[in-house]
Amino acid sequence: MHADLSRSTFRPERHYSAVVVQQGRVQLDADANEQTAIQLHQARALTADLIGPHGGPRDAAGFRVEYVGGRHDIDTLHIHGGRYYVDGILCDADRPAAGVPVPAEADENDKGDEKDDGAQAAGQAAGQATAHWTYWDQPDGFRDPEKPGDRLPSPAQAPFVAYLHVWERAVTAAEDPALREVALGAAMPDTSARAKVVWQVLPLALADLEIEEAEPSKDTVREAFTRWAGKQAVSSARLAARAERPGHADEDPCLVKPDARYRGPENQLYRVEVHEGGAAKDATFKWSRENGSVVFPVDELDGTWVQLASLGHDDKLDLDVGDRVEFTDTAYASRLEPLPLLRVEELDLPGRRVRLSAEPEQGVGRLPHLNPFLRRWDHHEGPRHKGRTTTLRGGAIPVTEGEWLPLEDGIEVYFAKGGAYRTGDHWTVPARTATGGVEWPTDRARRPLLRSPAGIARHFAPLALVKGESGAVDLRLAFAPLAVDIPAADEATLAAEARARQEEQEAEAAVDAQEGDN
């Protein structure tokens, strides 16, 4: 998650059940975050064990999908409300009721009365808003009818599967200003970030599931989807990190010598994140020494000039000429699509303006309600390779597998050969001045171990086989409540216990009455 963290310490393989706070000790963000992670892990594991990979409550199962053809408009799906669990994660499809504004006070003249009638009519229309989502307005889908890749395939030509894609991401005050406590003052940084469950209903062609049948059965589709989802959920990319290996070390290229040091002046949490996905020859990555948490809300975009809501709170968290930034917004952060990393060319500090090396992509950051922002990344050029500096591609660093790549201050990373990379996958590397090294697992010979990405964890569930106007085959699963009627034998036992308690109370009352007479 792109949040200002010291480090992330939760590891399910350690089997910790709770964080135990000790008196008189310093409290760290990592401790509180690990406790939350432990509880989430336990709750979701239990839910998945009881429900299975996915399912919804029998009487309130959400995400029923209904296809609506585009006779008068573009094709869409209706996504009906309710709850559904995917790998133990709760997804809620209920659409909040639209708010009704307070009508304006009536003026004495007729014009004022007309305004008031209009406000009331608007309020009534808002209150009568649709109770379901559609494919185009689902809260975290951000599908664009102008993009051919976003359009629904034609079920008249071939059925397709509508499925649920679920993942989590961090949300800060840059994207949700309501998280900022204004009573702390404008100069105060934001406080805590939030983890948000993102769900998206997306189409998938039967050919992608390797189904050749024109009319496949439910079981066939579910089995094929399970195989497909298993491949999508697991990343084959692997990375290792270490402090720099000095030039006089022995010939073992993996061994870290004791005098290898992290030379940074401060403790940092480095984030190495895949920018452009694909095979190694096509993939790129970016890195941040602040876990990608340095962001700047944007008030206005004018060509290559960006008006910022605020600047950084110190030199460490500010922008400078030459910095690489990602101009994005809530929609593109949810789409998991790479955007060009632009270069800061000029700063107007009094005006809180920044000139970028190019105009941001069309359609990004133009809508204020999507909360556009700049995210700073800390690489300025690619690592030196065989005496030459690697040229950036789209502002990001091309992935080079099988070699140690320097970041800065002695930190190096290594991509294993044969990986397939996905945009958004990332690793975090805590670097500490006290040890001059990084916190990274090693074997007994102190060789860094290759690790899978720390995120993004992707989860999938099939919803329906859409056949067009003729309907859709429901692929969801449902579970019944555990509570049932009390068996008759238990009723008799409870009745007997009640009679016994009543007789005991009557006996005690009789003894009290006799003692009172004496």
Protein backbone atom coordinates (compact mmCIF):
# COMPACT_ATOMS: atom_id res chain seq x y z
CA MET A 1 0.00 0.00 0.00
CA HIS A 2 1.20 3.52 -0.83
CA ALA A 3 1.25 4.79 2.75
CA ASP A 4 3.87 6.41 4.95
CA LEU A 5 4.97 3.32 6.88
CA SER A 6 8.11 2.43 8.80
CA ARG A 7 7.84 -1.19 7.61
CA SER A 8 5.34 -4.03 7.23
CA THR A 9 5.96 -6.87 9.68
CA PHE A 10 3.01 -9.26 9.25
CA ARG A 11 4.08 -12.72 8.07
CA PRO A 12 1.38 -15.43 8.25
CA GLU A 13 4.01 -18.18 8.39
CA ARG A 14 5.09 -16.94 11.83
CA HIS A 15 1.67 -17.89 13.27
CA TYR A 16 1.47 -14.90 15.62
CA SER A 17 -2.01 -14.57 17.12
CA ALA A 18 -1.74 -11.09 18.64
CA VAL A 19 0.52 -8.10 19.21
CA VAL A 20 1.21 -7.74 22.94
CA VAL A 21 1.86 -4.15 24.04
CA GLN A 22 4.42 -3.76 26.82
CA GLN A 23 4.51 -0.92 29.32
CA GLY A 24 7.01 1.87 28.92
CA ARG A 25 7.89 0.94 25.34
CA VAL A 26 7.82 3.04 22.19
CA GLN A 27 4.75 2.36 20.07
CA LEU A 28 5.31 2.03 16.31
CA ASP A 29 2.94 2.11 13.37
CA ALA A 30 4.15 -1.36 12.36
CA ASP A 31 2.86 -2.89 15.62
CA ALA A 32 -0.66 -1.52 15.24
CA ASN A 33 -0.74 -2.42 11.54
CA GLU A 34 0.42 -5.98 12.27
CA GLN A 35 -2.37 -6.42 14.82
CA THR A 36 -4.90 -5.33 12.19
CA ALA A 37 -3.33 -7.67 9.64
CA ILE A 38 -3.46 -10.60 12.08
CA GLN A 39 -7.14 -10.05 12.77
CA LEU A 40 -7.98 -9.65 9.08
CA HIS A 41 -6.04 -12.80 8.23
CA GLN A 42 -7.84 -14.81 10.90
CA ALA A 43 -11.29 -13.49 10.00
CA ARG A 44 -10.87 -14.00 6.26
CA ALA A 45 -9.31 -17.44 6.64
CA LEU A 46 -12.22 -18.55 8.84
CA THR A 47 -14.76 -17.07 6.41
CA ALA A 48 -13.14 -18.78 3.43
CA ASP A 49 -12.93 -22.11 5.31
CA LEU A 50 -16.65 -21.97 6.11
CA ILE A 51 -17.95 -20.56 2.83
CA GLY A 52 -15.39 -21.76 0.31
CA PRO A 53 -13.59 -19.72 -2.35
CA HIS A 54 -16.68 -17.59 -2.96
CA GLY A 55 -20.36 -17.39 -2.07
CA GLY A 56 -23.13 -15.18 -0.77
CA PRO A 57 -25.88 -15.49 1.86
CA ARG A 58 -28.85 -17.37 0.43
CA ASP A 59 -31.37 -14.59 1.03
CA ALA A 60 -29.04 -11.63 0.38
CA ALA A 61 -26.52 -12.81 -2.21
CA GLY A 62 -25.23 -9.88 -4.19
CA PHE A 63 -23.86 -9.36 -7.70
CA ARG A 64 -26.69 -10.91 -9.67
CA VAL A 65 -25.83 -9.89 -13.23
CA GLU A 66 -28.40 -8.96 -15.83
CA TYR A 67 -27.50 -8.12 -19.43
CA VAL A 68 -29.21 -5.13 -21.05
CA GLY A 69 -28.72 -4.79 -24.78
CA GLY A 70 -28.00 -1.50 -26.48
CA ARG A 71 -31.07 -1.02 -28.64
CA HIS A 72 -31.16 2.66 -27.73
CA ASP A 73 -27.87 2.99 -25.86
CA ILE A 74 -24.60 1.17 -25.31
CA ASP A 75 -24.71 -2.39 -23.93
CA THR A 76 -24.47 -2.68 -20.16
CA LEU A 77 -24.86 -5.01 -17.22
CA HIS A 78 -27.09 -4.44 -14.21
CA ILE A 79 -25.31 -5.41 -11.00
CA HIS A 80 -27.84 -6.03 -8.27
CA GLY A 81 -27.20 -5.39 -4.60
CA GLY A 82 -26.31 -7.73 -1.77
CA ARG A 83 -23.20 -9.26 -0.25
CA TYR A 84 -20.72 -11.74 -1.66
CA TYR A 85 -17.50 -13.18 -0.23
CA VAL A 86 -14.42 -13.88 -2.35
CA ASP A 87 -11.60 -15.74 -0.55
CA GLY A 88 -13.13 -14.51 2.70
CA ILE A 89 -13.23 -10.84 1.62
CA LEU A 90 -16.61 -9.15 1.98
CA CYS A 91 -17.84 -7.36 -1.17
CA ASP A 92 -20.95 -5.22 -0.81
CA ALA A 93 -22.90 -4.38 -3.96
CA ASP A 94 -25.66 -2.40 -2.24
CA ARG A 95 -25.95 1.05 -3.75
CA PRO A 96 -26.27 3.84 -1.17
CA ALA A 97 -29.52 5.75 -1.32
CA ALA A 98 -29.13 9.06 -3.07
CA GLY A 99 -29.24 12.05 -0.77
CA VAL A 100 -32.09 14.55 -1.01
CA PRO A 101 -30.98 18.18 -0.68
CA VAL A 102 -32.79 20.62 1.55
CA PRO A 103 -35.07 22.76 -0.67
CA ALA A 104 -34.18 26.43 -0.98
CA GLU A 105 -36.30 28.80 1.02
CA ALA A 106 -39.24 30.13 -1.00
CA ASP A 107 -38.98 33.72 -2.15
CA GLU A 108 -41.89 36.06 -2.13
CA ASN A 109 -41.94 36.37 -5.89
CA ASP A 110 -43.03 33.75 -8.42
CA LYS A 111 -39.48 33.29 -9.68
CA GLY A 112 -38.38 32.19 -6.26
CA ASP A 113 -41.29 29.73 -6.07
CA GLU A 114 -40.25 28.25 -9.40
CA LYS A 115 -36.68 27.81 -8.13
CA ASP A 116 -37.98 26.07 -5.03
CA ASP A 117 -40.20 23.77 -7.10
CA GLY A 118 -37.18 22.89 -9.25
CA ALA A 119 -35.06 22.06 -6.21
CA GLN A 120 -37.81 19.84 -4.82
CA ALA A 121 -38.18 18.06 -8.15
CA ALA A 122 -34.42 17.50 -8.30
CA GLY A 123 -34.47 16.16 -4.77
CA GLN A 124 -37.29 13.75 -5.57
CA ALA A 125 -35.44 12.55 -8.68
CA ALA A 126 -32.29 11.98 -6.61
CA GLY A 127 -34.26 10.03 -4.04
CA GLN A 128 -35.68 7.81 -6.79
CA ALA A 129 -32.24 6.90 -8.23
CA THR A 130 -31.70 3.35 -9.38
CA ALA A 131 -31.06 0.79 -6.65
CA HIS A 132 -28.50 -1.19 -8.67
CA TRP A 133 -25.14 -0.47 -10.25
CA THR A 134 -24.44 -0.79 -13.94
CA TYR A 135 -21.31 -1.94 -15.71
CA TRP A 136 -20.52 1.69 -16.57
CA ASP A 137 -21.07 3.32 -13.17
CA GLN A 138 -19.87 0.61 -10.76
CA PRO A 139 -18.02 2.46 -7.98
CA ASP A 140 -14.48 1.19 -8.65
CA GLY A 141 -14.77 -0.03 -12.23
CA PHE A 142 -14.33 3.29 -14.05
CA ARG A 143 -15.12 1.82 -17.45
CA ASP A 144 -15.01 4.25 -20.37
CA PRO A 145 -17.44 3.79 -23.32
CA GLU A 146 -14.94 5.61 -25.56
CA LYS A 147 -12.31 2.91 -25.02
CA PRO A 148 -12.83 -0.15 -27.24
CA GLY A 149 -11.15 -2.39 -24.66
CA ASP A 150 -13.72 -1.41 -22.04
CA ARG A 151 -16.79 -2.24 -24.08
CA LEU A 152 -18.73 -5.41 -23.42
CA PRO A 153 -18.35 -8.16 -26.02
CA SER A 154 -21.45 -9.01 -28.01
CA PRO A 155 -23.17 -12.06 -26.45
CA ALA A 156 -25.07 -12.48 -29.71
CA GLN A 157 -21.80 -13.57 -31.31
CA ALA A 158 -20.50 -15.62 -28.36
CA PRO A 159 -21.41 -15.87 -24.67
CA PHE A 160 -19.00 -14.39 -22.17
CA VAL A 161 -18.41 -14.75 -18.45
CA ALA A 162 -19.03 -11.82 -16.12
CA TYR A 163 -16.66 -12.18 -13.18
CA LEU A 164 -15.70 -10.36 -10.00
CA HIS A 165 -12.17 -9.00 -9.59
CA VAL A 166 -11.34 -8.09 -5.98
CA TRP A 167 -8.24 -6.46 -4.50
CA GLU A 168 -7.25 -3.88 -1.90
CA ARG A 169 -5.47 -0.57 -2.10
CA ALA A 170 -4.56 2.29 0.20
CA VAL A 171 -6.51 5.54 0.19
CA THR A 172 -5.03 8.71 1.68
CA ALA A 173 -6.39 12.22 2.15
CA ALA A 174 -5.13 13.07 -1.33
CA GLU A 175 -7.90 10.90 -2.77
CA ASP A 176 -10.46 11.29 0.02
CA PRO A 177 -10.23 14.78 1.57
CA ALA A 178 -12.75 13.73 4.24
CA LEU A 179 -9.92 11.76 5.91
CA ARG A 180 -8.14 14.99 6.84
CA GLU A 181 -9.05 16.53 10.19
CA VAL A 182 -9.30 20.24 9.39
CA ALA A 183 -9.13 21.12 13.09
CA LEU A 184 -5.43 20.18 12.99
CA GLY A 185 -4.75 23.06 10.63
CA ALA A 186 -3.69 23.30 7.01
CA ALA A 187 0.00 22.81 7.87
CA MET A 188 -0.64 19.49 9.61
CA PRO A 189 0.00 16.37 7.48
CA ASP A 190 -2.79 13.86 7.12
CA THR A 191 -3.14 11.23 9.82
CA SER A 192 -4.02 7.60 9.05
CA ALA A 193 -4.65 6.11 5.62
CA ARG A 194 -7.36 3.57 4.84
CA ALA A 195 -7.35 0.16 3.17
CA LYS A 196 -10.17 -0.15 0.65
CA VAL A 197 -11.68 -3.27 -0.90
CA VAL A 198 -11.96 -2.68 -4.65
CA TRP A 199 -14.43 -4.82 -6.60
CA GLN A 200 -14.92 -4.73 -10.34
CA VAL A 201 -17.35 -6.68 -12.53
CA LEU A 202 -15.55 -7.43 -15.81
CA PRO A 203 -16.17 -9.56 -18.93
CA LEU A 204 -14.11 -12.58 -19.95
CA ALA A 205 -14.35 -14.41 -23.28
CA LEU A 206 -14.82 -18.18 -23.28
CA ALA A 207 -11.74 -18.43 -25.50
CA ASP A 208 -9.67 -17.01 -22.62
CA LEU A 209 -10.96 -19.87 -20.49
CA GLU A 210 -9.99 -22.33 -23.26
CA ILE A 211 -13.63 -23.39 -23.65
CA GLU A 212 -14.51 -24.42 -27.19
CA GLU A 213 -18.09 -25.54 -26.57
CA ALA A 214 -20.85 -23.25 -27.80
CA GLU A 215 -23.13 -24.19 -24.89
CA PRO A 216 -20.88 -25.15 -21.96
CA SER A 217 -22.42 -26.40 -18.73
CA LYS A 218 -22.16 -24.61 -15.39
CA ASP A 219 -19.61 -27.10 -14.12
CA THR A 220 -17.48 -26.72 -17.24
CA VAL A 221 -17.39 -22.94 -16.93
CA ARG A 222 -16.68 -23.02 -13.20
CA GLU A 223 -13.85 -25.51 -13.56
CA ALA A 224 -12.27 -23.55 -16.43
CA PHE A 225 -12.63 -20.31 -14.50
CA THR A 226 -10.95 -21.84 -11.44
CA ARG A 227 -7.95 -22.82 -13.56
CA TRP A 228 -7.78 -19.38 -15.16
CA ALA A 229 -8.11 -17.55 -11.82
CA GLY A 230 -5.35 -19.67 -10.29
CA LYS A 231 -2.96 -18.51 -12.99
CA GLN A 232 -4.00 -14.86 -12.63
CA ALA A 233 -3.72 -14.79 -8.84
CA VAL A 234 -0.13 -16.01 -8.63
CA SER A 235 2.78 -13.89 -9.83
CA SER A 236 5.90 -15.60 -11.14
CA ALA A 237 8.05 -12.50 -10.54
CA ARG A 238 10.70 -12.85 -7.81
CA LEU A 239 12.99 -10.21 -6.30
CA ALA A 240 15.80 -10.06 -3.75
CA ALA A 241 17.39 -7.05 -2.07
CA ARG A 242 20.64 -6.37 -0.24
CA ALA A 243 23.11 -3.69 0.74
CA GLU A 244 25.79 -3.09 -1.86
CA ARG A 245 28.46 -5.73 -2.33
CA PRO A 246 31.92 -4.07 -2.18
CA GLY A 247 34.28 -4.46 -5.12
CA HIS A 248 36.89 -6.45 -3.13
CA ALA A 249 34.42 -9.18 -2.08
CA ASP A 250 35.18 -12.76 -3.03
CA GLU A 251 34.03 -14.30 -6.26
CA ASP A 252 30.65 -15.45 -4.90
CA PRO A 253 28.27 -12.86 -6.46
CA CYS A 254 25.49 -13.63 -3.98
CA LEU A 255 27.45 -13.40 -0.73
CA VAL A 256 27.04 -10.16 1.21
CA LYS A 257 30.23 -9.17 3.02
CA PRO A 258 30.15 -7.62 6.51
CA ASP A 259 31.42 -4.27 5.21
CA ALA A 260 28.61 -3.91 2.69
CA ARG A 261 26.63 -0.92 3.94
CA TYR A 262 23.45 1.04 3.48
CA ARG A 263 24.78 4.60 3.37
CA GLY A 264 21.58 6.62 3.57
CA PRO A 265 21.32 9.33 6.26
CA GLU A 266 17.84 8.18 7.41
CA ASN A 267 15.82 5.02 7.88
CA GLN A 268 13.73 4.39 4.77
CA LEU A 269 11.13 1.98 3.43
CA TYR A 270 12.02 1.47 -0.21
CA ARG A 271 9.26 0.41 -2.55
CA VAL A 272 10.08 -1.33 -5.82
CA GLU A 273 6.96 -1.47 -7.99
CA VAL A 274 6.26 -2.88 -11.44
CA HIS A 275 5.14 -0.08 -13.75
CA GLU A 276 4.63 -1.67 -17.15
CA GLY A 277 3.77 -5.35 -16.93
CA GLY A 278 4.53 -8.22 -19.29
CA ALA A 279 7.59 -10.30 -20.04
CA ALA A 280 10.97 -9.06 -18.80
CA LYS A 281 11.83 -7.50 -22.17
CA ASP A 282 8.71 -5.31 -21.98
CA ALA A 283 8.44 -4.71 -18.23
CA THR A 284 9.60 -1.62 -16.34
CA PHE A 285 9.76 -0.69 -12.68
CA LYS A 286 9.97 2.40 -10.49
CA TRP A 287 11.09 2.93 -6.92
CA SER A 288 10.49 5.24 -3.99
CA ARG A 289 12.38 5.66 -0.73
CA GLU A 290 9.10 6.67 0.98
CA ASN A 291 6.99 3.64 -0.06
CA GLY A 292 5.37 5.76 -2.78
CA SER A 293 3.56 7.83 -0.15
CA VAL A 294 4.68 11.31 -1.27
CA VAL A 295 1.63 12.71 -3.06
CA PHE A 296 0.37 16.19 -3.91
CA PRO A 297 -3.35 16.88 -4.46
CA VAL A 298 -4.00 18.79 -7.69
CA ASP A 299 -6.36 21.76 -7.91
CA GLU A 300 -6.08 22.47 -11.62
CA LEU A 301 -4.38 21.30 -14.81
CA ASP A 302 -3.49 23.79 -17.55
CA GLY A 303 -1.50 22.13 -20.32
CA THR A 304 1.79 21.08 -18.78
CA TRP A 305 1.30 23.31 -15.72
CA VAL A 306 -0.20 21.72 -12.61
CA GLN A 307 -1.66 23.78 -9.78
CA LEU A 308 -1.09 21.94 -6.47
CA ALA A 309 -3.34 22.22 -3.41
CA SER A 310 -0.23 22.20 -1.21
CA LEU A 311 3.50 21.59 -1.33
CA GLY A 312 5.53 19.20 0.77
CA HIS A 313 6.03 19.88 4.46
CA ASP A 314 9.85 19.82 4.23
CA ASP A 315 12.66 19.33 1.72
CA LYS A 316 12.44 15.56 2.15
CA LEU A 317 8.77 15.44 1.13
CA ASP A 318 8.78 18.20 -1.48
CA LEU A 319 9.23 18.33 -5.25
CA ASP A 320 12.37 19.39 -7.08
CA VAL A 321 13.33 19.90 -10.69
CA GLY A 322 14.22 16.53 -12.21
CA ASP A 323 11.85 14.47 -10.05
CA ARG A 324 9.75 11.81 -11.74
CA VAL A 325 6.03 12.07 -10.99
CA GLU A 326 2.92 10.11 -11.87
CA PHE A 327 -0.12 12.27 -12.67
CA THR A 328 -3.13 10.14 -11.83
CA ASP A 329 -6.52 10.13 -10.11
CA THR A 330 -8.86 7.77 -8.29
CA ALA A 331 -10.10 6.20 -11.52
CA TYR A 332 -6.69 5.29 -12.90
CA ALA A 333 -5.43 4.16 -9.51
CA SER A 334 -8.27 1.62 -9.58
CA ARG A 335 -7.72 0.55 -13.18
CA LEU A 336 -4.16 -0.71 -12.53
CA GLU A 337 -2.93 0.73 -15.79
CA PRO A 338 0.52 2.34 -16.19
CA LEU A 339 0.70 6.02 -17.02
CA PRO A 340 3.82 7.84 -18.30
CA LEU A 341 6.10 9.04 -15.52
CA LEU A 342 6.68 12.71 -16.25
CA ARG A 343 9.65 14.88 -15.29
CA VAL A 344 9.36 18.05 -13.20
CA GLU A 345 10.83 20.78 -15.43
CA GLU A 346 10.04 23.96 -13.50
CA LEU A 347 8.73 25.00 -10.08
CA ASP A 348 6.73 28.09 -9.16
CA LEU A 349 6.82 27.80 -5.38
CA PRO A 350 4.88 31.00 -4.51
CA GLY A 351 2.11 29.95 -6.90
CA ARG A 352 2.28 26.25 -5.94
CA ARG A 353 2.65 25.38 -9.61
CA VAL A 354 4.70 22.70 -11.35
CA ARG A 355 5.55 22.45 -15.05
CA LEU A 356 5.82 18.88 -16.32
CA SER A 357 7.80 17.51 -19.27
CA ALA A 358 4.62 16.68 -21.17
CA GLU A 359 0.89 17.13 -20.88
CA PRO A 360 -0.72 14.25 -18.93
CA GLU A 361 -2.69 11.69 -20.90
CA GLN A 362 -6.08 12.77 -22.17
CA GLY A 363 -8.89 11.83 -19.79
CA VAL A 364 -6.69 11.63 -16.69
CA GLY A 365 -7.10 14.11 -13.86
CA ARG A 366 -9.59 16.37 -15.62
CA LEU A 367 -12.53 15.68 -13.28
CA PRO A 368 -12.25 17.25 -9.80
CA HIS A 369 -14.49 14.64 -8.14
CA LEU A 370 -11.90 11.99 -9.06
CA ASN A 371 -9.34 13.83 -6.90
CA PRO A 372 -6.32 14.09 -9.23
CA PHE A 373 -2.88 14.06 -7.61
CA LEU A 374 0.84 13.77 -8.32
CA ARG A 375 2.77 10.84 -6.87
CA ARG A 376 6.54 11.29 -6.61
CA TRP A 377 8.96 8.51 -7.47
CA ASP A 378 12.62 8.81 -6.56
CA HIS A 379 14.55 7.37 -9.49
CA HIS A 380 16.08 9.93 -11.84
CA GLU A 381 17.77 7.60 -14.28
CA GLY A 382 18.26 3.90 -14.79
CA PRO A 383 21.01 1.96 -13.03
CA ARG A 384 24.46 1.75 -14.56
CA HIS A 385 24.89 -1.46 -16.55
CA LYS A 386 28.23 -2.48 -18.08
CA GLY A 387 29.57 1.06 -17.76
CA ARG A 388 26.47 2.69 -19.30
CA THR A 389 23.41 4.24 -17.71
CA THR A 390 20.19 2.47 -18.63
CA THR A 391 17.79 4.65 -20.62
CA LEU A 392 14.37 5.12 -19.05
CA ARG A 393 11.31 3.88 -20.93
CA GLY A 394 8.14 5.85 -20.34
CA GLY A 395 9.91 7.43 -17.40
CA ALA A 396 10.42 4.03 -15.71
CA ILE A 397 13.41 1.69 -15.48
CA PRO A 398 13.51 -1.36 -17.81
CA VAL A 399 13.62 -4.65 -15.92
CA THR A 400 16.96 -6.45 -16.18
CA GLU A 401 16.87 -10.02 -14.88
CA GLY A 402 19.73 -11.98 -13.40
CA GLU A 403 21.83 -8.99 -12.30
CA TRP A 404 22.07 -6.80 -9.22
CA LEU A 405 20.68 -3.34 -9.99
CA PRO A 406 21.68 -0.37 -7.79
CA LEU A 407 19.00 1.98 -6.49
CA GLU A 408 20.85 4.42 -4.21
CA ASP A 409 23.00 4.59 -1.08
CA GLY A 410 24.14 1.00 -1.42
CA ILE A 411 20.69 -0.60 -1.94
CA GLU A 412 20.56 -3.17 -4.74
CA VAL A 413 17.75 -5.34 -6.10
CA TYR A 414 17.81 -8.51 -8.16
CA PHE A 415 15.05 -9.79 -10.47
CA ALA A 416 15.03 -13.56 -10.98
CA LYS A 417 15.09 -14.84 -14.53
CA GLY A 418 11.92 -16.01 -16.26
CA GLY A 419 9.45 -13.78 -14.43
CA ALA A 420 6.14 -12.47 -15.74
CA TYR A 421 5.37 -9.00 -14.37
CA ARG A 422 2.06 -7.34 -13.50
CA THR A 423 1.46 -3.62 -13.11
CA GLY A 424 1.15 -2.78 -9.42
CA ASP A 425 3.09 -5.75 -8.05
CA HIS A 426 5.59 -4.47 -5.51
CA TRP A 427 8.16 -5.29 -2.86
CA THR A 428 9.15 -3.21 0.19
CA VAL A 429 12.72 -3.04 1.50
CA PRO A 430 13.31 -1.51 4.96
CA ALA A 431 16.76 0.13 5.13
CA ARG A 432 18.20 0.96 8.56
CA THR A 433 21.08 3.25 9.49
CA ALA A 434 21.68 1.43 12.79
CA THR A 435 22.79 -1.73 10.97
CA GLY A 436 23.83 -0.19 7.67
CA GLY A 437 21.78 -2.87 5.95
CA VAL A 438 18.33 -3.89 4.79
CA GLU A 439 15.79 -6.15 6.46
CA TRP A 440 15.58 -8.99 3.98
CA PRO A 441 15.53 -12.76 4.60
CA THR A 442 18.74 -14.68 3.88
CA ASP A 443 19.89 -18.27 4.05
CA ARG A 444 22.58 -19.53 6.44
CA ALA A 445 25.29 -18.31 4.09
CA ARG A 446 23.71 -14.86 4.25
CA ARG A 447 22.59 -14.99 0.64
CA PRO A 448 19.42 -12.95 0.01
CA LEU A 449 16.34 -15.05 -0.72
CA LEU A 450 14.07 -14.44 -3.69
CA ARG A 451 10.57 -13.38 -2.67
CA SER A 452 7.21 -13.07 -4.40
CA PRO A 453 5.58 -9.62 -4.48
CA ALA A 454 4.11 -8.31 -1.23
CA GLY A 455 1.07 -7.30 -3.27
CA ILE A 456 -1.21 -6.76 -5.09
CA ALA A 457 -3.20 -9.83 -3.99
CA ARG A 458 -5.84 -10.45 -6.65
CA HIS A 459 -9.00 -12.49 -6.09
CA PHE A 460 -11.58 -13.70 -8.63
CA ALA A 461 -15.07 -15.23 -8.67
CA PRO A 462 -17.40 -16.13 -11.58
CA LEU A 463 -20.79 -14.44 -11.54
CA ALA A 464 -22.69 -15.35 -14.70
CA LEU A 465 -22.42 -16.80 -18.18
CA VAL A 466 -24.01 -13.98 -20.20
CA LYS A 467 -25.92 -15.15 -23.27
CA GLY A 468 -27.53 -11.88 -24.24
CA GLU A 469 -31.21 -10.99 -24.27
CA SER A 470 -32.08 -14.63 -23.66
CA GLY A 471 -30.69 -14.31 -20.16
CA ALA A 472 -27.67 -15.34 -18.14
CA VAL A 473 -26.65 -18.54 -16.38
CA ASP A 474 -26.03 -17.73 -12.73
CA LEU A 475 -22.62 -19.00 -11.60
CA ARG A 476 -22.77 -17.69 -8.05
CA LEU A 477 -22.87 -19.93 -4.99
CA ALA A 478 -25.01 -19.41 -1.89
CA PHE A 479 -24.92 -20.61 1.70
CA ALA A 480 -27.73 -20.91 4.24
CA PRO A 481 -27.69 -19.39 7.74
CA LEU A 482 -26.30 -21.65 10.45
CA ALA A 483 -29.10 -20.86 12.91
CA VAL A 484 -31.98 -23.40 12.94
CA ASP A 485 -35.00 -24.19 15.08
CA ILE A 486 -34.32 -25.59 18.53
CA PRO A 487 -34.96 -29.38 18.46
CA ALA A 488 -37.99 -30.68 20.36
CA ALA A 489 -35.78 -32.59 22.80
CA ASP A 490 -34.00 -29.39 23.69
CA GLU A 491 -37.33 -27.61 24.11
CA ALA A 492 -38.39 -30.26 26.65
CA THR A 493 -35.08 -29.90 28.49
CA LEU A 494 -35.42 -26.13 28.64
CA ALA A 495 -39.02 -26.43 29.88
CA ALA A 496 -37.95 -28.85 32.63
CA GLU A 497 -35.17 -26.51 33.70
CA ALA A 498 -37.63 -23.62 33.82
CA ARG A 499 -40.04 -25.63 36.00
CA ALA A 500 -37.18 -26.60 38.34
CA ARG A 501 -36.13 -22.96 38.71
CA GLN A 502 -39.73 -21.96 39.41
CA GLU A 503 -40.15 -24.68 42.07
CA GLU A 504 -36.88 -23.61 43.71
CA GLN A 505 -38.02 -20.02 43.82
CA GLU A 506 -41.38 -21.04 45.30
CA ALA A 507 -39.63 -23.11 48.01
CA GLU A 508 -37.39 -20.20 48.92
CA ALA A 509 -40.42 -17.92 49.13
CA ALA A 510 -42.20 -20.39 51.46
CA VAL A 511 -39.17 -20.54 53.79
CA ASP A 512 -38.96 -16.75 53.88
CA ALA A 513 -42.68 -16.52 54.71
CA GLN A 514 -42.37 -19.08 57.55
CA GLU A 515 -39.41 -17.23 59.06
CA GLY A 516 -41.40 -14.03 58.88
CA ASP A 517 -44.32 -15.57 60.84
CA ASN A 518 -41.94 -16.72 63.59
